[in-house]
């Protein structure tokens, strides 16, 4: 009977130790972690916002005339397609900068809402805000003449 009692006490102490060790050294799965995305928001006049306009890969986004209709360079698109189109364009690019024209004075602050929307897109790494009263020298963009296939103008 003494050996059975010692065996039960020994087994109980092993189980208690395993329980406390498991609780103390528990490894949480990565799915439970929350990551936040915060792209840099800069003025287009700053030194960090210098596009390479020769390659035709600069993306200028603006409300046209309000948030329901947007323009990426010269192409119009509905606002509900913004996430999908920017994800498609930027997912393979190293430079994931969006140039946003701040038309807040004309579009009832829809440009500010658009900026907040862009900050939530994980594919955007930097937002450079263009002041239409003092635009950078390269703005507005000239259409990029795409090579091959008839030489049509390309907005992206």
C-alpha atoms as a PDB file:
ATOM      1  CA  UNK A   1       0.000   0.000   0.000  1.00  0.00           C
ATOM      2  CA  UNK A   2       2.895   2.376   0.697  1.00  0.00           C
ATOM      3  CA  UNK A   3       4.347   1.801  -2.755  1.00  0.00           C
ATOM      4  CA  UNK A   4       0.991   2.531  -4.423  1.00  0.00           C
ATOM      5  CA  UNK A   5       0.646   5.770  -2.429  1.00  0.00           C
ATOM      6  CA  UNK A   6       4.177   6.859  -3.407  1.00  0.00           C
ATOM      7  CA  UNK A   7       3.457   6.019  -7.056  1.00  0.00           C
ATOM      8  CA  UNK A   8       0.285   8.155  -7.011  1.00  0.00           C
ATOM      9  CA  UNK A   9       2.100  11.073  -5.334  1.00  0.00           C
ATOM     10  CA  UNK A  10       4.984  10.760  -7.818  1.00  0.00           C
ATOM     11  CA  UNK A  11       2.602  10.668 -10.800  1.00  0.00           C
ATOM     12  CA  UNK A  12       0.601  13.638  -9.435  1.00  0.00           C
ATOM     13  CA  UNK A  13       3.778  15.699  -8.972  1.00  0.00           C
ATOM     14  CA  UNK A  14       4.916  14.923 -12.532  1.00  0.00           C
ATOM     15  CA  UNK A  15       1.516  15.963 -13.934  1.00  0.00           C
ATOM     16  CA  UNK A  16       1.468  19.170 -11.854  1.00  0.00           C
ATOM     17  CA  UNK A  17       4.997  20.057 -12.973  1.00  0.00           C
ATOM     18  CA  UNK A  18       4.132  19.393 -16.621  1.00  0.00           C
ATOM     19  CA  UNK A  19       1.003  21.558 -16.312  1.00  0.00           C
ATOM     20  CA  UNK A  20       2.885  24.540 -14.814  1.00  0.00           C
ATOM     21  CA  UNK A  21       5.786  24.235 -17.243  1.00  0.00           C
ATOM     22  CA  UNK A  22       3.340  24.143 -20.147  1.00  0.00           C
ATOM     23  CA  UNK A  23       1.534  27.245 -18.841  1.00  0.00           C
ATOM     24  CA  UNK A  24       4.751  29.153 -18.225  1.00  0.00           C
ATOM     25  CA  UNK A  25       6.545  28.306 -21.487  1.00  0.00           C
ATOM     26  CA  UNK A  26       3.574  28.271 -23.828  1.00  0.00           C
ATOM     27  CA  UNK A  27       4.397  29.332 -27.391  1.00  0.00           C
ATOM     28  CA  UNK A  28       1.593  31.344 -28.928  1.00  0.00           C
ATOM     29  CA  UNK A  29       0.789  30.837 -32.610  1.00  0.00           C
ATOM     30  CA  UNK A  30       1.603  33.686 -35.005  1.00  0.00           C
ATOM     31  CA  UNK A  31      -2.030  34.015 -36.098  1.00  0.00           C
ATOM     32  CA  UNK A  32      -2.846  35.646 -32.755  1.00  0.00           C
ATOM     33  CA  UNK A  33      -0.389  38.476 -33.261  1.00  0.00           C
ATOM     34  CA  UNK A  34      -1.668  41.778 -34.575  1.00  0.00           C
ATOM     35  CA  UNK A  35       0.473  43.708 -37.010  1.00  0.00           C
ATOM     36  CA  UNK A  36      -0.254  47.256 -37.989  1.00  0.00           C
ATOM     37  CA  UNK A  37       0.671  48.856 -41.277  1.00  0.00           C
ATOM     38  CA  UNK A  38       1.786  52.477 -41.252  1.00  0.00           C
ATOM     39  CA  UNK A  39       3.082  53.818 -44.557  1.00  0.00           C
ATOM     40  CA  UNK A  40       5.081  57.032 -44.468  1.00  0.00           C
ATOM     41  CA  UNK A  41       3.025  60.102 -45.398  1.00  0.00           C
ATOM     42  CA  UNK A  42       5.251  62.826 -46.816  1.00  0.00           C
ATOM     43  CA  UNK A  43       4.986  65.971 -48.864  1.00  0.00           C
ATOM     44  CA  UNK A  44       5.741  65.431 -52.550  1.00  0.00           C
ATOM     45  CA  UNK A  45       8.090  68.412 -52.269  1.00  0.00           C
ATOM     46  CA  UNK A  46      10.310  66.537 -49.788  1.00  0.00           C
ATOM     47  CA  UNK A  47      13.564  64.922 -50.878  1.00  0.00           C
ATOM     48  CA  UNK A  48      12.167  61.441 -50.147  1.00  0.00           C
ATOM     49  CA  UNK A  49       9.491  61.789 -52.828  1.00  0.00           C
ATOM     50  CA  UNK A  50      11.392  61.820 -56.094  1.00  0.00           C
ATOM     51  CA  UNK A  51       9.648  59.681 -58.711  1.00  0.00           C
ATOM     52  CA  UNK A  52      11.382  58.139 -61.674  1.00  0.00           C
ATOM     53  CA  UNK A  53       9.028  59.601 -64.272  1.00  0.00           C
ATOM     54  CA  UNK A  54      11.158  58.321 -67.169  1.00  0.00           C
ATOM     55  CA  UNK A  55      10.046  54.720 -66.585  1.00  0.00           C
ATOM     56  CA  UNK A  56       6.329  55.524 -66.516  1.00  0.00           C
ATOM     57  CA  UNK A  57       5.816  53.695 -63.211  1.00  0.00           C
ATOM     58  CA  UNK A  58       4.770  56.681 -61.109  1.00  0.00           C
ATOM     59  CA  UNK A  59       1.246  56.351 -59.705  1.00  0.00           C
ATOM     60  CA  UNK A  60      -0.664  59.591 -59.147  1.00  0.00           C
ATOM     61  CA  UNK A  61      -4.045  59.145 -57.504  1.00  0.00           C
ATOM     62  CA  UNK A  62      -6.719  61.833 -57.169  1.00  0.00           C
ATOM     63  CA  UNK A  63     -10.433  62.213 -56.581  1.00  0.00           C
ATOM     64  CA  UNK A  64     -12.363  63.027 -59.754  1.00  0.00           C
ATOM     65  CA  UNK A  65     -14.441  65.044 -58.779  1.00  0.00           C
ATOM     66  CA  UNK A  66     -15.222  63.255 -55.496  1.00  0.00           C
ATOM     67  CA  UNK A  67     -14.434  60.005 -53.699  1.00  0.00           C
ATOM     68  CA  UNK A  68     -16.929  57.963 -55.735  1.00  0.00           C
ATOM     69  CA  UNK A  69     -14.768  58.353 -58.834  1.00  0.00           C
ATOM     70  CA  UNK A  70     -10.969  58.285 -58.792  1.00  0.00           C
ATOM     71  CA  UNK A  71      -8.198  58.704 -61.301  1.00  0.00           C
ATOM     72  CA  UNK A  72      -4.941  56.783 -61.384  1.00  0.00           C
ATOM     73  CA  UNK A  73      -2.778  58.898 -63.672  1.00  0.00           C
ATOM     74  CA  UNK A  74      -5.151  59.362 -66.661  1.00  0.00           C
ATOM     75  CA  UNK A  75      -7.384  56.345 -66.068  1.00  0.00           C
ATOM     76  CA  UNK A  76     -10.712  56.669 -64.274  1.00  0.00           C
ATOM     77  CA  UNK A  77     -11.833  53.958 -61.887  1.00  0.00           C
ATOM     78  CA  UNK A  78     -14.607  53.510 -59.343  1.00  0.00           C
ATOM     79  CA  UNK A  79     -13.518  53.801 -55.707  1.00  0.00           C
ATOM     80  CA  UNK A  80     -14.688  50.281 -54.891  1.00  0.00           C
ATOM     81  CA  UNK A  81     -11.971  48.863 -57.204  1.00  0.00           C
ATOM     82  CA  UNK A  82      -9.111  50.837 -55.610  1.00  0.00           C
ATOM     83  CA  UNK A  83      -7.908  48.042 -53.314  1.00  0.00           C
ATOM     84  CA  UNK A  84      -7.827  45.385 -56.036  1.00  0.00           C
ATOM     85  CA  UNK A  85      -6.176  47.576 -58.669  1.00  0.00           C
ATOM     86  CA  UNK A  86      -3.467  48.969 -56.372  1.00  0.00           C
ATOM     87  CA  UNK A  87      -2.750  45.480 -55.032  1.00  0.00           C
ATOM     88  CA  UNK A  88      -2.371  44.185 -58.580  1.00  0.00           C
ATOM     89  CA  UNK A  89      -0.086  47.060 -59.590  1.00  0.00           C
ATOM     90  CA  UNK A  90       2.093  47.264 -56.476  1.00  0.00           C
ATOM     91  CA  UNK A  91       2.445  43.664 -55.315  1.00  0.00           C
ATOM     92  CA  UNK A  92       5.533  42.986 -57.444  1.00  0.00           C
ATOM     93  CA  UNK A  93       7.124  46.428 -57.223  1.00  0.00           C
ATOM     94  CA  UNK A  94      10.001  47.413 -55.010  1.00  0.00           C
ATOM     95  CA  UNK A  95       8.941  51.081 -54.913  1.00  0.00           C
ATOM     96  CA  UNK A  96       5.391  51.097 -53.555  1.00  0.00           C
ATOM     97  CA  UNK A  97       4.907  54.845 -53.466  1.00  0.00           C
ATOM     98  CA  UNK A  98       1.564  56.477 -54.237  1.00  0.00           C
ATOM     99  CA  UNK A  99       1.409  60.168 -55.107  1.00  0.00           C
ATOM    100  CA  UNK A 100      -1.877  61.623 -53.863  1.00  0.00           C
ATOM    101  CA  UNK A 101      -3.168  64.968 -55.158  1.00  0.00           C
ATOM    102  CA  UNK A 102      -4.645  66.879 -52.224  1.00  0.00           C
ATOM    103  CA  UNK A 103      -7.830  68.422 -53.652  1.00  0.00           C
ATOM    104  CA  UNK A 104      -9.317  68.946 -50.171  1.00  0.00           C
ATOM    105  CA  UNK A 105     -10.311  72.516 -50.943  1.00  0.00           C
ATOM    106  CA  UNK A 106     -12.406  71.381 -53.938  1.00  0.00           C
ATOM    107  CA  UNK A 107     -13.585  67.868 -53.096  1.00  0.00           C
ATOM    108  CA  UNK A 108     -15.100  68.437 -49.655  1.00  0.00           C
ATOM    109  CA  UNK A 109     -12.098  66.794 -47.936  1.00  0.00           C
ATOM    110  CA  UNK A 110     -12.523  63.531 -49.861  1.00  0.00           C
ATOM    111  CA  UNK A 111      -8.770  63.578 -50.504  1.00  0.00           C
ATOM    112  CA  UNK A 112      -8.202  63.266 -46.759  1.00  0.00           C
ATOM    113  CA  UNK A 113     -10.513  60.236 -46.628  1.00  0.00           C
ATOM    114  CA  UNK A 114      -8.676  58.734 -49.600  1.00  0.00           C
ATOM    115  CA  UNK A 115      -5.370  59.222 -47.773  1.00  0.00           C
ATOM    116  CA  UNK A 116      -6.745  57.288 -44.771  1.00  0.00           C
ATOM    117  CA  UNK A 117      -7.917  54.523 -47.116  1.00  0.00           C
ATOM    118  CA  UNK A 118      -4.457  54.286 -48.674  1.00  0.00           C
ATOM    119  CA  UNK A 119      -2.831  54.049 -45.248  1.00  0.00           C
ATOM    120  CA  UNK A 120      -4.794  50.851 -44.628  1.00  0.00           C
ATOM    121  CA  UNK A 121      -3.588  49.091 -47.786  1.00  0.00           C
ATOM    122  CA  UNK A 122      -0.709  46.747 -46.969  1.00  0.00           C
ATOM    123  CA  UNK A 123       0.823  47.115 -50.458  1.00  0.00           C
ATOM    124  CA  UNK A 124       1.424  50.872 -50.029  1.00  0.00           C
ATOM    125  CA  UNK A 125       4.737  51.761 -48.375  1.00  0.00           C
ATOM    126  CA  UNK A 126       4.770  55.531 -48.871  1.00  0.00           C
ATOM    127  CA  UNK A 127       2.191  58.215 -49.645  1.00  0.00           C
ATOM    128  CA  UNK A 128       3.513  61.462 -51.087  1.00  0.00           C
ATOM    129  CA  UNK A 129       0.925  64.232 -50.980  1.00  0.00           C
ATOM    130  CA  UNK A 130       0.956  66.700 -53.869  1.00  0.00           C
ATOM    131  CA  UNK A 131      -0.180  70.237 -53.113  1.00  0.00           C
ATOM    132  CA  UNK A 132      -1.888  71.460 -56.319  1.00  0.00           C
ATOM    133  CA  UNK A 133      -1.037  75.069 -55.406  1.00  0.00           C
ATOM    134  CA  UNK A 134       2.701  74.228 -55.281  1.00  0.00           C
ATOM    135  CA  UNK A 135       3.145  71.046 -57.347  1.00  0.00           C
ATOM    136  CA  UNK A 136       6.535  69.434 -57.940  1.00  0.00           C
ATOM    137  CA  UNK A 137       8.265  70.159 -61.250  1.00  0.00           C
ATOM    138  CA  UNK A 138       7.361  66.741 -62.748  1.00  0.00           C
ATOM    139  CA  UNK A 139       3.619  67.110 -62.090  1.00  0.00           C
ATOM    140  CA  UNK A 140       1.335  66.683 -64.029  1.00  0.00           C
ATOM    141  CA  UNK A 141       2.623  63.450 -65.514  1.00  0.00           C
ATOM    142  CA  UNK A 142       3.035  63.190 -69.244  1.00  0.00           C
ATOM    143  CA  UNK A 143       1.552  59.994 -70.717  1.00  0.00           C
ATOM    144  CA  UNK A 144       4.184  57.282 -70.977  1.00  0.00           C
ATOM    145  CA  UNK A 145       4.617  55.914 -74.503  1.00  0.00           C
ATOM    146  CA  UNK A 146       4.610  52.144 -74.082  1.00  0.00           C
ATOM    147  CA  UNK A 147       7.009  50.217 -76.259  1.00  0.00           C
ATOM    148  CA  UNK A 148       5.840  47.520 -78.676  1.00  0.00           C
ATOM    149  CA  UNK A 149       2.281  46.567 -79.516  1.00  0.00           C
ATOM    150  CA  UNK A 150       1.347  49.689 -81.432  1.00  0.00           C
ATOM    151  CA  UNK A 151       2.982  52.311 -79.184  1.00  0.00           C
ATOM    152  CA  UNK A 152      -0.111  53.324 -77.276  1.00  0.00           C
ATOM    153  CA  UNK A 153      -0.056  55.662 -74.292  1.00  0.00           C
ATOM    154  CA  UNK A 154       0.087  53.892 -70.954  1.00  0.00           C
ATOM    155  CA  UNK A 155      -1.088  55.453 -67.714  1.00  0.00           C
ATOM    156  CA  UNK A 156       0.473  52.833 -65.462  1.00  0.00           C
END
